[in-house]
Amino acid sequence: GKLPVSFLDELESLVREMHRRGVVHLDLRHRSNVLATASGHPVVIDFGSAICFDPNTLIGRLCVYLLGMIDRGALRKWRARLI
């Protein structure tokens, strides 16, 4: 079926919230790691490659920012794939 227009924005919000909490997924490019609920909301699964950092420290925030580029690149790939 078709995904709602809000799917990509919601996925981006999920990734932003994960990063805010210090979690970098690192494997969002694989289609099987991003699912949609019956109502069309994104669900991120398979955190086997994920890395967690303490977002309250400078080094933690820096690591999330740098490694988060991989997740943000995956979001760009999702946008290109679905638009």
Protein backbone atom coordinates (compact mmCIF):
# COMPACT_ATOMS: atom_id res chain seq x y z
CA GLY A 1 0.00 0.00 0.00
CA LYS A 2 0.88 3.64 -0.11
CA LEU A 3 2.54 5.39 2.79
CA PRO A 4 1.10 8.64 4.09
CA VAL A 5 2.90 11.86 3.22
CA SER A 6 3.82 12.26 6.90
CA PHE A 7 5.79 8.97 6.97
CA LEU A 8 9.16 10.52 6.15
CA ASP A 9 8.71 13.42 8.56
CA GLU A 10 7.76 10.98 11.33
CA LEU A 11 10.78 8.80 10.52
CA GLU A 12 13.02 11.85 10.70
CA SER A 13 11.49 12.75 14.08
CA LEU A 14 12.16 9.22 15.35
CA VAL A 15 15.80 9.42 14.30
CA ARG A 16 16.17 12.88 15.84
CA GLU A 17 14.72 11.58 19.12
CA MET A 18 17.04 8.56 19.09
CA HIS A 19 20.01 10.87 18.57
CA ARG A 20 18.81 13.19 21.34
CA ARG A 21 18.86 10.18 23.66
CA GLY A 22 22.36 9.19 22.51
CA VAL A 23 21.44 6.28 20.23
CA VAL A 24 22.81 5.96 16.70
CA HIS A 25 21.20 3.15 14.69
CA LEU A 26 23.80 2.85 11.88
CA ASP A 27 21.69 0.46 9.77
CA LEU A 28 18.65 2.42 8.62
CA ARG A 29 19.53 2.05 4.93
CA HIS A 30 18.19 -1.48 4.89
CA ARG A 31 14.54 -1.54 4.01
CA SER A 32 13.89 -4.33 6.51
CA ASN A 33 14.87 -2.10 9.46
CA VAL A 34 12.16 0.49 8.86
CA LEU A 35 8.63 -0.83 8.93
CA ALA A 36 5.21 0.82 8.79
CA THR A 37 2.32 0.16 11.13
CA ALA A 38 -1.11 -0.62 9.72
CA SER A 39 -1.92 3.08 10.06
CA GLY A 40 1.25 4.11 8.22
CA HIS A 41 3.50 5.23 11.06
CA PRO A 42 7.21 4.32 10.88
CA VAL A 43 8.74 1.77 13.24
CA VAL A 44 12.52 1.35 13.53
CA ILE A 45 13.73 -2.15 14.41
CA ASP A 46 16.96 -4.18 14.66
CA PHE A 47 19.25 -2.21 16.91
CA GLY A 48 21.97 -4.86 16.65
CA SER A 49 24.38 -2.38 15.03
CA ALA A 50 23.34 0.57 17.18
CA ILE A 51 25.73 2.37 19.48
CA CYS A 52 24.68 4.28 22.59
CA PHE A 53 26.49 7.30 23.99
CA ASP A 54 25.90 9.51 27.00
CA PRO A 55 24.18 12.56 25.49
CA ASN A 56 25.02 14.56 28.62
CA THR A 57 28.73 14.64 27.79
CA LEU A 58 30.54 16.60 25.11
CA ILE A 59 32.21 13.50 23.69
CA GLY A 60 28.88 11.65 23.64
CA ARG A 61 27.18 14.46 21.73
CA LEU A 62 30.12 14.69 19.33
CA CYS A 63 30.03 10.95 18.64
CA VAL A 64 26.27 11.04 18.07
CA TYR A 65 26.67 13.97 15.71
CA LEU A 66 29.48 12.36 13.70
CA LEU A 67 28.08 8.82 13.55
CA GLY A 68 24.60 10.24 13.16
CA MET A 69 25.66 11.31 9.67
CA ILE A 70 25.15 7.67 8.68
CA ASP A 71 21.56 7.75 9.94
CA ARG A 72 20.91 11.13 8.31
CA GLY A 73 22.31 9.79 5.04
CA ALA A 74 19.89 6.89 5.30
CA LEU A 75 17.03 9.36 5.75
CA ARG A 76 18.09 11.08 2.52
CA LYS A 77 18.06 7.68 0.81
CA TRP A 78 14.55 6.99 2.13
CA ARG A 79 13.37 10.39 0.86
CA ALA A 80 14.82 9.71 -2.60
CA ARG A 81 13.30 6.24 -2.65
CA LEU A 82 9.80 7.29 -1.60
CA ILE A 83 9.37 10.64 -3.33
